[in-house]
Amino acid sequence: LCKHLSDSMSLLETAAWSEETPKRDVRTSLQGVLRLLDVADTSWVGQVLIQLLGDDLPARLIDWLSELEFEVQKDVTRLFGGILKLSSSSDAEREVFEYVWNHNRILEELLD
């Protein structure tokens, strides 16, 4: 699911502004990742978080936030909240901290 979200973001980043298919794919993939995090087993959630961060998905989603539908914007916020929440119960806490530290604009964008 994380790979599919990353691939969908790549399509969105290279697509024409008017194309709806990449935006729809991002929404579908993002919702799948959110469902995965909602039922995440702490034994493997750290790997999911590391993959999300490794593909730079939080920052990439934030870069496109204003172009996404309102409901997808809410899902992006939920994803970031889930990443923060789950990082404390997984082995990815340090990676999440470093990611947020190095991408401080994410918090600024989400709070605006």
C-alpha atoms as a PDB file:
ATOM      1  CA  LEU A   1       0.000   0.000   0.000  1.00  0.00           C
ATOM      2  CA  CYS A   2       2.821   2.423   0.810  1.00  0.00           C
ATOM      3  CA  LYS A   3       4.484   1.680  -2.523  1.00  0.00           C
ATOM      4  CA  HIS A   4       1.197   2.215  -4.338  1.00  0.00           C
ATOM      5  CA  LEU A   5       0.749   5.575  -2.591  1.00  0.00           C
ATOM      6  CA  SER A   6       4.282   6.554  -3.581  1.00  0.00           C
ATOM      7  CA  ASP A   7       3.643   5.515  -7.185  1.00  0.00           C
ATOM      8  CA  SER A   8       0.361   7.466  -7.190  1.00  0.00           C
ATOM      9  CA  MET A   9       2.163  10.547  -5.901  1.00  0.00           C
ATOM     10  CA  SER A  10       4.756  10.185  -8.671  1.00  0.00           C
ATOM     11  CA  LEU A  11       1.948  10.105 -11.232  1.00  0.00           C
ATOM     12  CA  LEU A  12       0.354  13.166  -9.674  1.00  0.00           C
ATOM     13  CA  GLU A  13       3.660  15.034  -9.657  1.00  0.00           C
ATOM     14  CA  THR A  14       4.145  14.411 -13.388  1.00  0.00           C
ATOM     15  CA  ALA A  15       0.514  14.722 -14.534  1.00  0.00           C
ATOM     16  CA  ALA A  16      -1.211  17.733 -16.012  1.00  0.00           C
ATOM     17  CA  TRP A  17      -3.104  19.827 -13.452  1.00  0.00           C
ATOM     18  CA  SER A  18      -6.449  18.930 -14.983  1.00  0.00           C
ATOM     19  CA  GLU A  19      -6.018  15.163 -14.784  1.00  0.00           C
ATOM     20  CA  GLU A  20      -8.269  13.648 -12.129  1.00  0.00           C
ATOM     21  CA  THR A  21      -7.048  10.040 -12.289  1.00  0.00           C
ATOM     22  CA  PRO A  22      -3.787  10.619 -10.355  1.00  0.00           C
ATOM     23  CA  LYS A  23      -5.661  12.555  -7.659  1.00  0.00           C
ATOM     24  CA  ARG A  24      -8.204   9.742  -7.394  1.00  0.00           C
ATOM     25  CA  ASP A  25      -5.378   7.180  -7.135  1.00  0.00           C
ATOM     26  CA  VAL A  26      -3.718   9.203  -4.363  1.00  0.00           C
ATOM     27  CA  ARG A  27      -7.011   9.346  -2.453  1.00  0.00           C
ATOM     28  CA  THR A  28      -7.582   5.593  -2.791  1.00  0.00           C
ATOM     29  CA  SER A  29      -4.004   4.712  -1.818  1.00  0.00           C
ATOM     30  CA  LEU A  30      -4.008   7.139   1.095  1.00  0.00           C
ATOM     31  CA  GLN A  31      -7.226   5.670   2.455  1.00  0.00           C
ATOM     32  CA  GLY A  32      -5.694   2.190   2.205  1.00  0.00           C
ATOM     33  CA  VAL A  33      -2.642   3.271   4.181  1.00  0.00           C
ATOM     34  CA  LEU A  34      -4.877   4.885   6.812  1.00  0.00           C
ATOM     35  CA  ARG A  35      -6.857   1.645   7.181  1.00  0.00           C
ATOM     36  CA  LEU A  36      -3.558  -0.228   7.517  1.00  0.00           C
ATOM     37  CA  LEU A  37      -2.386   2.126  10.274  1.00  0.00           C
ATOM     38  CA  ASP A  38      -5.747   1.887  12.059  1.00  0.00           C
ATOM     39  CA  VAL A  39      -5.328  -1.856  12.520  1.00  0.00           C
ATOM     40  CA  ALA A  40      -1.565  -1.784  12.721  1.00  0.00           C
ATOM     41  CA  ASP A  41       0.104  -4.491  14.711  1.00  0.00           C
ATOM     42  CA  THR A  42       2.957  -2.883  16.620  1.00  0.00           C
ATOM     43  CA  SER A  43       5.256  -5.708  15.585  1.00  0.00           C
ATOM     44  CA  TRP A  44       5.391  -4.377  12.017  1.00  0.00           C
ATOM     45  CA  VAL A  45       4.073  -0.816  12.195  1.00  0.00           C
ATOM     46  CA  GLY A  46       7.617   0.526  12.485  1.00  0.00           C
ATOM     47  CA  GLN A  47       8.418  -0.913   9.062  1.00  0.00           C
ATOM     48  CA  VAL A  48       5.350   0.773   7.567  1.00  0.00           C
ATOM     49  CA  LEU A  49       6.341   4.112   9.093  1.00  0.00           C
ATOM     50  CA  ILE A  50       9.916   3.787   7.873  1.00  0.00           C
ATOM     51  CA  GLN A  51       8.666   3.042   4.359  1.00  0.00           C
ATOM     52  CA  LEU A  52       6.365   6.085   4.410  1.00  0.00           C
ATOM     53  CA  LEU A  53       9.233   8.293   5.551  1.00  0.00           C
ATOM     54  CA  GLY A  54      11.750   6.666   3.210  1.00  0.00           C
ATOM     55  CA  ASP A  55       9.546   7.532   0.238  1.00  0.00           C
ATOM     56  CA  ASP A  56       9.202  11.067   1.669  1.00  0.00           C
ATOM     57  CA  LEU A  57       5.425  10.706   1.464  1.00  0.00           C
ATOM     58  CA  PRO A  58       4.436  13.122   4.245  1.00  0.00           C
ATOM     59  CA  ALA A  59       6.403  15.987   2.657  1.00  0.00           C
ATOM     60  CA  ARG A  60       5.274  15.084  -0.853  1.00  0.00           C
ATOM     61  CA  LEU A  61       1.635  15.040   0.236  1.00  0.00           C
ATOM     62  CA  ILE A  62       2.066  18.393   1.978  1.00  0.00           C
ATOM     63  CA  ASP A  63       3.543  19.864  -1.219  1.00  0.00           C
ATOM     64  CA  TRP A  64       0.297  18.982  -3.019  1.00  0.00           C
ATOM     65  CA  LEU A  65      -2.089  19.683  -0.164  1.00  0.00           C
ATOM     66  CA  SER A  66      -3.681  22.763  -1.720  1.00  0.00           C
ATOM     67  CA  GLU A  67      -4.372  20.863  -4.956  1.00  0.00           C
ATOM     68  CA  LEU A  68      -6.151  17.971  -3.271  1.00  0.00           C
ATOM     69  CA  GLU A  69      -9.828  17.784  -2.424  1.00  0.00           C
ATOM     70  CA  PHE A  70     -10.863  18.815   1.081  1.00  0.00           C
ATOM     71  CA  GLU A  71     -11.556  15.234   2.196  1.00  0.00           C
ATOM     72  CA  VAL A  72      -8.126  14.141   0.966  1.00  0.00           C
ATOM     73  CA  GLN A  73      -6.562  17.063   2.816  1.00  0.00           C
ATOM     74  CA  LYS A  74      -8.199  15.740   5.990  1.00  0.00           C
ATOM     75  CA  ASP A  75      -6.812  12.285   5.241  1.00  0.00           C
ATOM     76  CA  VAL A  76      -3.303  13.739   4.856  1.00  0.00           C
ATOM     77  CA  THR A  77      -3.691  15.320   8.292  1.00  0.00           C
ATOM     78  CA  ARG A  78      -4.933  12.000   9.700  1.00  0.00           C
ATOM     79  CA  LEU A  79      -1.944  10.218   8.162  1.00  0.00           C
ATOM     80  CA  PHE A  80       0.507  12.583   9.788  1.00  0.00           C
ATOM     81  CA  GLY A  81      -1.303  12.292  13.120  1.00  0.00           C
ATOM     82  CA  GLY A  82      -1.198   8.511  12.800  1.00  0.00           C
ATOM     83  CA  ILE A  83       2.516   8.591  12.043  1.00  0.00           C
ATOM     84  CA  LEU A  84       3.173  10.654  15.174  1.00  0.00           C
ATOM     85  CA  LYS A  85       0.918   8.525  17.352  1.00  0.00           C
ATOM     86  CA  LEU A  86       2.231   5.180  16.172  1.00  0.00           C
ATOM     87  CA  SER A  87       5.872   6.210  16.251  1.00  0.00           C
ATOM     88  CA  SER A  88       5.863   6.163  20.040  1.00  0.00           C
ATOM     89  CA  SER A  89       4.649   2.545  20.109  1.00  0.00           C
ATOM     90  CA  SER A  90       7.051   1.268  17.459  1.00  0.00           C
ATOM     91  CA  ASP A  91      10.723   1.004  16.708  1.00  0.00           C
ATOM     92  CA  ALA A  92      10.517   4.022  14.364  1.00  0.00           C
ATOM     93  CA  GLU A  93      10.319   6.767  16.985  1.00  0.00           C
ATOM     94  CA  ARG A  94      13.803   8.094  16.254  1.00  0.00           C
ATOM     95  CA  GLU A  95      13.257   8.059  12.466  1.00  0.00           C
ATOM     96  CA  VAL A  96       9.968   9.953  12.818  1.00  0.00           C
ATOM     97  CA  PHE A  97      11.549  12.524  15.130  1.00  0.00           C
ATOM     98  CA  GLU A  98      14.426  13.102  12.699  1.00  0.00           C
ATOM     99  CA  TYR A  99      12.043  13.306   9.747  1.00  0.00           C
ATOM    100  CA  VAL A 100       9.864  15.938  11.416  1.00  0.00           C
ATOM    101  CA  TRP A 101      12.957  17.827  12.594  1.00  0.00           C
ATOM    102  CA  ASN A 102      14.312  17.915   9.029  1.00  0.00           C
ATOM    103  CA  HIS A 103      10.931  18.764   7.484  1.00  0.00           C
ATOM    104  CA  ASN A 104       9.699  21.431   9.898  1.00  0.00           C
ATOM    105  CA  ARG A 105       7.501  22.993   7.216  1.00  0.00           C
ATOM    106  CA  ILE A 106       5.155  20.005   7.506  1.00  0.00           C
ATOM    107  CA  LEU A 107       3.911  21.099  10.917  1.00  0.00           C
ATOM    108  CA  GLU A 108       3.605  24.689   9.725  1.00  0.00           C
ATOM    109  CA  GLU A 109       1.503  23.637   6.736  1.00  0.00           C
ATOM    110  CA  LEU A 110      -0.730  21.358   8.764  1.00  0.00           C
ATOM    111  CA  LEU A 111      -1.343  24.036  11.376  1.00  0.00           C
ATOM    112  CA  ASP A 112      -2.245  26.703   8.800  1.00  0.00           C
END
